[in-house]
């Protein structure tokens, strides 16, 4: 009978992806708050757009990281 083991390089890649997700989870809302709290500043629109993009990217990277980790354990 064949024993299955965790694919360690794939697990490390998934954990790195989750680390990047953690950074994006803080950076996105921070930029969004900074942009929305200063509507009269010239960087209002770029900060809001960057914040929204980073929040969306954080969600995507979170799902991708979880999928990579699950693949490393169960495949």
PDB file of N, CA and C in Angstrom:
ATOM      1  N   UNK A   1       0.831  -1.166   0.000  1.00  0.00           N
ATOM      2  CA  UNK A   1       0.000   0.000   0.000  1.00  0.00           C
ATOM      3  C   UNK A   1       0.894   1.253   0.000  1.00  0.00           C
ATOM      4  N   UNK A   2       0.507   2.210  -0.798  1.00  0.00           N
ATOM      5  CA  UNK A   2       1.301   3.429  -0.952  1.00  0.00           C
ATOM      6  C   UNK A   2       0.919   4.455   0.117  1.00  0.00           C
ATOM      7  N   UNK A   3       1.932   4.991   0.787  1.00  0.00           N
ATOM      8  CA  UNK A   3       1.688   6.029   1.785  1.00  0.00           C
ATOM      9  C   UNK A   3       1.806   7.391   1.138  1.00  0.00           C
ATOM     10  N   UNK A   4       0.869   8.267   1.437  1.00  0.00           N
ATOM     11  CA  UNK A   4       0.909   9.609   0.876  1.00  0.00           C
ATOM     12  C   UNK A   4       1.526  10.549   1.886  1.00  0.00           C
ATOM     13  N   UNK A   5       2.357  11.449   1.384  1.00  0.00           N
ATOM     14  CA  UNK A   5       3.022  12.422   2.232  1.00  0.00           C
ATOM     15  C   UNK A   5       2.700  13.830   1.739  1.00  0.00           C
ATOM     16  N   UNK A   6       2.869  14.773   2.621  1.00  0.00           N
ATOM     17  CA  UNK A   6       2.655  16.168   2.269  1.00  0.00           C
ATOM     18  C   UNK A   6       3.766  16.644   1.346  1.00  0.00           C
ATOM     19  N   UNK A   7       3.384  17.328   0.295  1.00  0.00           N
ATOM     20  CA  UNK A   7       4.346  17.911  -0.635  1.00  0.00           C
ATOM     21  C   UNK A   7       4.897  19.185   0.014  1.00  0.00           C
ATOM     22  N   UNK A   8       6.066  19.077   0.624  1.00  0.00           N
ATOM     23  CA  UNK A   8       6.615  20.196   1.406  1.00  0.00           C
ATOM     24  C   UNK A   8       6.912  21.445   0.590  1.00  0.00           C
ATOM     25  N   UNK A   9       7.514  21.344  -0.601  1.00  0.00           N
ATOM     26  CA  UNK A   9       7.748  22.584  -1.363  1.00  0.00           C
ATOM     27  C   UNK A   9       6.449  23.316  -1.715  1.00  0.00           C
ATOM     28  N   UNK A  10       5.419  22.554  -2.028  1.00  0.00           N
ATOM     29  CA  UNK A  10       4.129  23.160  -2.333  1.00  0.00           C
ATOM     30  C   UNK A  10       3.514  23.779  -1.079  1.00  0.00           C
ATOM     31  N   UNK A  11       3.704  23.144   0.063  1.00  0.00           N
ATOM     32  CA  UNK A  11       3.207  23.691   1.324  1.00  0.00           C
ATOM     33  C   UNK A  11       3.912  25.004   1.659  1.00  0.00           C
ATOM     34  N   UNK A  12       5.213  25.061   1.433  1.00  0.00           N
ATOM     35  CA  UNK A  12       5.971  26.297   1.691  1.00  0.00           C
ATOM     36  C   UNK A  12       5.488  27.407   0.769  1.00  0.00           C
ATOM     37  N   UNK A  13       5.224  27.070  -0.494  1.00  0.00           N
ATOM     38  CA  UNK A  13       4.704  28.066  -1.428  1.00  0.00           C
ATOM     39  C   UNK A  13       3.341  28.578  -0.964  1.00  0.00           C
ATOM     40  N   UNK A  14       2.496  27.691  -0.474  1.00  0.00           N
ATOM     41  CA  UNK A  14       1.192  28.104   0.034  1.00  0.00           C
ATOM     42  C   UNK A  14       1.307  28.996   1.259  1.00  0.00           C
ATOM     43  N   UNK A  15       2.248  28.688   2.142  1.00  0.00           N
ATOM     44  CA  UNK A  15       2.434  29.519   3.329  1.00  0.00           C
ATOM     45  C   UNK A  15       2.998  30.894   2.968  1.00  0.00           C
ATOM     46  N   UNK A  16       3.858  30.953   1.952  1.00  0.00           N
ATOM     47  CA  UNK A  16       4.352  32.248   1.481  1.00  0.00           C
ATOM     48  C   UNK A  16       3.217  33.073   0.888  1.00  0.00           C
ATOM     49  N   UNK A  17       2.341  32.411   0.153  1.00  0.00           N
ATOM     50  CA  UNK A  17       1.180  33.097  -0.416  1.00  0.00           C
ATOM     51  C   UNK A  17       0.287  33.636   0.692  1.00  0.00           C
ATOM     52  N   UNK A  18       0.116  32.855   1.753  1.00  0.00           N
ATOM     53  CA  UNK A  18      -0.708  33.317   2.874  1.00  0.00           C
ATOM     54  C   UNK A  18      -0.026  34.466   3.617  1.00  0.00           C
ATOM     55  N   UNK A  19       1.310  34.474   3.666  1.00  0.00           N
ATOM     56  CA  UNK A  19       2.029  35.594   4.268  1.00  0.00           C
ATOM     57  C   UNK A  19       1.809  36.876   3.476  1.00  0.00           C
ATOM     58  N   UNK A  20       1.863  36.771   2.147  1.00  0.00           N
ATOM     59  CA  UNK A  20       1.582  37.928   1.302  1.00  0.00           C
ATOM     60  C   UNK A  20       0.132  38.390   1.484  1.00  0.00           C
ATOM     61  N   UNK A  21      -0.766  37.433   1.636  1.00  0.00           N
ATOM     62  CA  UNK A  21      -2.164  37.760   1.875  1.00  0.00           C
ATOM     63  C   UNK A  21      -2.323  38.553   3.170  1.00  0.00           C
ATOM     64  N   UNK A  22      -1.583  38.168   4.191  1.00  0.00           N
ATOM     65  CA  UNK A  22      -1.652  38.878   5.469  1.00  0.00           C
ATOM     66  C   UNK A  22      -1.208  40.332   5.316  1.00  0.00           C
ATOM     67  N   UNK A  23      -0.158  40.552   4.547  1.00  0.00           N
ATOM     68  CA  UNK A  23       0.308  41.926   4.300  1.00  0.00           C
ATOM     69  C   UNK A  23      -0.763  42.717   3.551  1.00  0.00           C
ATOM     70  N   UNK A  24      -1.362  42.104   2.534  1.00  0.00           N
ATOM     71  CA  UNK A  24      -2.390  42.783   1.753  1.00  0.00           C
ATOM     72  C   UNK A  24      -3.643  43.051   2.576  1.00  0.00           C
ATOM     73  N   UNK A  25      -3.954  42.149   3.529  1.00  0.00           N
ATOM     74  CA  UNK A  25      -5.130  42.343   4.374  1.00  0.00           C
ATOM     75  C   UNK A  25      -5.004  43.585   5.254  1.00  0.00           C
ATOM     76  N   UNK A  26      -3.793  43.981   5.579  1.00  0.00           N
ATOM     77  CA  UNK A  26      -3.596  45.201   6.361  1.00  0.00           C
ATOM     78  C   UNK A  26      -3.390  46.425   5.466  1.00  0.00           C
ATOM     79  N   UNK A  27      -2.655  46.254   4.381  1.00  0.00           N
ATOM     80  CA  UNK A  27      -2.307  47.382   3.526  1.00  0.00           C
ATOM     81  C   UNK A  27      -3.511  47.927   2.754  1.00  0.00           C
ATOM     82  N   UNK A  28      -4.369  47.044   2.244  1.00  0.00           N
ATOM     83  CA  UNK A  28      -5.539  47.477   1.471  1.00  0.00           C
ATOM     84  C   UNK A  28      -6.476  48.373   2.260  1.00  0.00           C
ATOM     85  N   UNK A  29      -6.980  47.925   3.404  1.00  0.00           N
ATOM     86  CA  UNK A  29      -7.862  48.788   4.191  1.00  0.00           C
ATOM     87  C   UNK A  29      -7.170  50.053   4.713  1.00  0.00           C
ATOM     88  N   UNK A  30      -5.873  49.975   4.985  1.00  0.00           N
ATOM     89  CA  UNK A  30      -5.143  51.162   5.433  1.00  0.00           C
ATOM     90  C   UNK A  30      -5.151  52.229   4.337  1.00  0.00           C
ATOM     91  N   UNK A  31      -4.830  51.840   3.107  1.00  0.00           N
ATOM     92  CA  UNK A  31      -4.841  52.804   2.007  1.00  0.00           C
ATOM     93  C   UNK A  31      -6.246  53.304   1.710  1.00  0.00           C
ATOM     94  N   UNK A  32      -7.228  52.429   1.818  1.00  0.00           N
ATOM     95  CA  UNK A  32      -8.615  52.826   1.583  1.00  0.00           C
ATOM     96  C   UNK A  32      -9.066  53.842   2.622  1.00  0.00           C
ATOM     97  N   UNK A  33      -8.735  53.610   3.869  1.00  0.00           N
ATOM     98  CA  UNK A  33      -9.084  54.556   4.934  1.00  0.00           C
ATOM     99  C   UNK A  33      -8.349  55.881   4.753  1.00  0.00           C
ATOM    100  N   UNK A  34      -7.060  55.803   4.387  1.00  0.00           N
ATOM    101  CA  UNK A  34      -6.279  57.026   4.184  1.00  0.00           C
ATOM    102  C   UNK A  34      -6.857  57.845   3.039  1.00  0.00           C
ATOM    103  N   UNK A  35      -7.301  57.179   1.999  1.00  0.00           N
ATOM    104  CA  UNK A  35      -7.887  57.905   0.872  1.00  0.00           C
ATOM    105  C   UNK A  35      -9.250  58.484   1.184  1.00  0.00           C
ATOM    106  N   UNK A  36     -10.095  57.719   1.842  1.00  0.00           N
ATOM    107  CA  UNK A  36     -11.455  58.177   2.123  1.00  0.00           C
ATOM    108  C   UNK A  36     -11.513  59.229   3.225  1.00  0.00           C
ATOM    109  N   UNK A  37     -10.525  59.282   4.077  1.00  0.00           N
ATOM    110  CA  UNK A  37     -10.549  60.273   5.160  1.00  0.00           C
ATOM    111  C   UNK A  37     -10.032  61.638   4.711  1.00  0.00           C
ATOM    112  N   UNK A  38      -9.479  61.732   3.512  1.00  0.00           N
ATOM    113  CA  UNK A  38      -8.965  63.003   2.982  1.00  0.00           C
ATOM    114  C   UNK A  38      -9.523  63.268   1.584  1.00  0.00           C
ATOM    115  N   UNK A  39     -10.819  63.550   1.455  1.00  0.00           N
ATOM    116  CA  UNK A  39     -11.380  63.731   0.106  1.00  0.00           C
ATOM    117  C   UNK A  39     -10.918  65.004  -0.597  1.00  0.00           C
ATOM    118  N   UNK A  40     -10.356  65.952   0.137  1.00  0.00           N
ATOM    119  CA  UNK A  40      -9.930  67.206  -0.494  1.00  0.00           C
ATOM    120  C   UNK A  40      -8.469  67.166  -0.960  1.00  0.00           C
ATOM    121  N   UNK A  41      -7.763  66.088  -0.684  1.00  0.00           N
ATOM    122  CA  UNK A  41      -6.349  65.971  -1.079  1.00  0.00           C
ATOM    123  C   UNK A  41      -6.246  65.538  -2.551  1.00  0.00           C
ATOM    124  N   UNK A  42      -5.122  65.854  -3.209  1.00  0.00           N
ATOM    125  CA  UNK A  42      -4.978  65.477  -4.628  1.00  0.00           C
ATOM    126  C   UNK A  42      -4.820  63.969  -4.852  1.00  0.00           C
ATOM    127  N   UNK A  43      -4.387  63.220  -3.845  1.00  0.00           N
ATOM    128  CA  UNK A  43      -4.215  61.769  -4.001  1.00  0.00           C
ATOM    129  C   UNK A  43      -5.453  60.977  -3.586  1.00  0.00           C
ATOM    130  N   UNK A  44      -6.605  61.629  -3.486  1.00  0.00           N
ATOM    131  CA  UNK A  44      -7.839  60.973  -3.045  1.00  0.00           C
ATOM    132  C   UNK A  44      -8.180  59.782  -3.941  1.00  0.00           C
ATOM    133  N   UNK A  45      -8.321  60.011  -5.231  1.00  0.00           N
ATOM    134  CA  UNK A  45      -8.737  58.955  -6.159  1.00  0.00           C
ATOM    135  C   UNK A  45      -7.687  57.841  -6.268  1.00  0.00           C
ATOM    136  N   UNK A  46      -6.396  58.152  -6.439  1.00  0.00           N
ATOM    137  CA  UNK A  46      -5.427  57.043  -6.529  1.00  0.00           C
ATOM    138  C   UNK A  46      -5.368  56.183  -5.270  1.00  0.00           C
ATOM    139  N   UNK A  47      -5.493  56.788  -4.090  1.00  0.00           N
ATOM    140  CA  UNK A  47      -5.459  55.994  -2.853  1.00  0.00           C
ATOM    141  C   UNK A  47      -6.688  55.108  -2.723  1.00  0.00           C
ATOM    142  N   UNK A  48      -7.846  55.630  -3.081  1.00  0.00           N
ATOM    143  CA  UNK A  48      -9.074  54.826  -2.997  1.00  0.00           C
ATOM    144  C   UNK A  48      -9.006  53.665  -3.993  1.00  0.00           C
ATOM    145  N   UNK A  49      -8.567  53.942  -5.210  1.00  0.00           N
ATOM    146  CA  UNK A  49      -8.469  52.882  -6.221  1.00  0.00           C
ATOM    147  C   UNK A  49      -7.444  51.838  -5.799  1.00  0.00           C
ATOM    148  N   UNK A  50      -6.286  52.285  -5.316  1.00  0.00           N
ATOM    149  CA  UNK A  50      -5.263  51.337  -4.869  1.00  0.00           C
ATOM    150  C   UNK A  50      -5.764  50.503  -3.693  1.00  0.00           C
ATOM    151  N   UNK A  51      -6.479  51.112  -2.770  1.00  0.00           N
ATOM    152  CA  UNK A  51      -7.029  50.383  -1.628  1.00  0.00           C
ATOM    153  C   UNK A  51      -8.027  49.321  -2.048  1.00  0.00           C
ATOM    154  N   UNK A  52      -8.905  49.671  -2.983  1.00  0.00           N
ATOM    155  CA  UNK A  52      -9.901  48.709  -3.460  1.00  0.00           C
ATOM    156  C   UNK A  52      -9.230  47.561  -4.204  1.00  0.00           C
ATOM    157  N   UNK A  53      -8.246  47.879  -5.027  1.00  0.00           N
ATOM    158  CA  UNK A  53      -7.528  46.832  -5.777  1.00  0.00           C
ATOM    159  C   UNK A  53      -6.792  45.903  -4.814  1.00  0.00           C
ATOM    160  N   UNK A  54      -6.126  46.466  -3.805  1.00  0.00           N
ATOM    161  CA  UNK A  54      -5.386  45.629  -2.851  1.00  0.00           C
ATOM    162  C   UNK A  54      -6.326  44.778  -2.002  1.00  0.00           C
ATOM    163  N   UNK A  55      -7.505  45.299  -1.664  1.00  0.00           N
ATOM    164  CA  UNK A  55      -8.478  44.484  -0.916  1.00  0.00           C
ATOM    165  C   UNK A  55      -8.957  43.311  -1.765  1.00  0.00           C
ATOM    166  N   UNK A  56      -9.247  43.565  -3.027  1.00  0.00           N
ATOM    167  CA  UNK A  56      -9.646  42.483  -3.930  1.00  0.00           C
ATOM    168  C   UNK A  56      -8.534  41.477  -4.132  1.00  0.00           C
ATOM    169  N   UNK A  57      -7.309  41.972  -4.249  1.00  0.00           N
ATOM    170  CA  UNK A  57      -6.156  41.088  -4.412  1.00  0.00           C
ATOM    171  C   UNK A  57      -5.934  40.242  -3.159  1.00  0.00           C
ATOM    172  N   UNK A  58      -6.195  40.804  -1.990  1.00  0.00           N
ATOM    173  CA  UNK A  58      -6.049  40.049  -0.745  1.00  0.00           C
ATOM    174  C   UNK A  58      -7.032  38.885  -0.701  1.00  0.00           C
ATOM    175  N   UNK A  59      -8.249  39.117  -1.144  1.00  0.00           N
ATOM    176  CA  UNK A  59      -9.258  38.043  -1.164  1.00  0.00           C
ATOM    177  C   UNK A  59      -8.835  36.948  -2.139  1.00  0.00           C
ATOM    178  N   UNK A  60      -8.390  37.357  -3.338  1.00  0.00           N
ATOM    179  CA  UNK A  60      -7.948  36.389  -4.341  1.00  0.00           C
ATOM    180  C   UNK A  60      -6.759  35.574  -3.838  1.00  0.00           C
ATOM    181  N   UNK A  61      -5.766  36.249  -3.290  1.00  0.00           N
ATOM    182  CA  UNK A  61      -4.573  35.561  -2.806  1.00  0.00           C
ATOM    183  C   UNK A  61      -4.898  34.637  -1.632  1.00  0.00           C
ATOM    184  N   UNK A  62      -5.860  35.014  -0.815  1.00  0.00           N
ATOM    185  CA  UNK A  62      -6.273  34.151   0.291  1.00  0.00           C
ATOM    186  C   UNK A  62      -6.835  32.828  -0.207  1.00  0.00           C
ATOM    187  N   UNK A  63      -7.741  32.908  -1.188  1.00  0.00           N
ATOM    188  CA  UNK A  63      -8.299  31.679  -1.750  1.00  0.00           C
ATOM    189  C   UNK A  63      -7.225  30.856  -2.455  1.00  0.00           C
ATOM    190  N   UNK A  64      -6.338  31.538  -3.175  1.00  0.00           N
ATOM    191  CA  UNK A  64      -5.263  30.836  -3.879  1.00  0.00           C
ATOM    192  C   UNK A  64      -4.326  30.143  -2.891  1.00  0.00           C
ATOM    193  N   UNK A  65      -3.979  30.819  -1.796  1.00  0.00           N
ATOM    194  CA  UNK A  65      -3.103  30.233  -0.786  1.00  0.00           C
ATOM    195  C   UNK A  65      -3.721  29.016  -0.121  1.00  0.00           C
ATOM    196  N   UNK A  66      -5.005  29.111   0.195  1.00  0.00           N
ATOM    197  CA  UNK A  66      -5.696  27.973   0.809  1.00  0.00           C
ATOM    198  C   UNK A  66      -5.738  26.797  -0.164  1.00  0.00           C
ATOM    199  N   UNK A  67      -5.998  27.091  -1.456  1.00  0.00           N
ATOM    200  CA  UNK A  67      -6.030  26.011  -2.446  1.00  0.00           C
ATOM    201  C   UNK A  67      -4.672  25.338  -2.583  1.00  0.00           C
ATOM    202  N   UNK A  68      -3.592  26.120  -2.578  1.00  0.00           N
ATOM    203  CA  UNK A  68      -2.245  25.549  -2.695  1.00  0.00           C
ATOM    204  C   UNK A  68      -1.940  24.666  -1.482  1.00  0.00           C
ATOM    205  N   UNK A  69      -2.295  25.140  -0.293  1.00  0.00           N
ATOM    206  CA  UNK A  69      -2.048  24.349   0.923  1.00  0.00           C
ATOM    207  C   UNK A  69      -2.850  23.060   0.901  1.00  0.00           C
ATOM    208  N   UNK A  70      -4.103  23.134   0.484  1.00  0.00           N
ATOM    209  CA  UNK A  70      -4.928  21.921   0.416  1.00  0.00           C
ATOM    210  C   UNK A  70      -4.385  20.936  -0.625  1.00  0.00           C
ATOM    211  N   UNK A  71      -3.907  21.464  -1.750  1.00  0.00           N
ATOM    212  CA  UNK A  71      -3.301  20.587  -2.759  1.00  0.00           C
ATOM    213  C   UNK A  71      -2.039  19.910  -2.222  1.00  0.00           C
ATOM    214  N   UNK A  72      -1.271  20.625  -1.440  1.00  0.00           N
ATOM    215  CA  UNK A  72      -0.038  20.022  -0.914  1.00  0.00           C
ATOM    216  C   UNK A  72      -0.327  18.924   0.098  1.00  0.00           C
ATOM    217  N   UNK A  73      -1.438  19.017   0.782  1.00  0.00           N
ATOM    218  CA  UNK A  73      -1.772  18.011   1.792  1.00  0.00           C
ATOM    219  C   UNK A  73      -2.493  16.816   1.173  1.00  0.00           C
ATOM    220  N   UNK A  74      -3.448  17.057   0.293  1.00  0.00           N
ATOM    221  CA  UNK A  74      -4.331  15.987  -0.155  1.00  0.00           C
ATOM    222  C   UNK A  74      -4.013  15.418  -1.537  1.00  0.00           C
ATOM    223  N   UNK A  75      -3.096  15.990  -2.292  1.00  0.00           N
ATOM    224  CA  UNK A  75      -2.761  15.410  -3.601  1.00  0.00           C
ATOM    225  C   UNK A  75      -1.503  14.603  -3.507  1.00  0.00           C
TER     226      UNK A  75
END
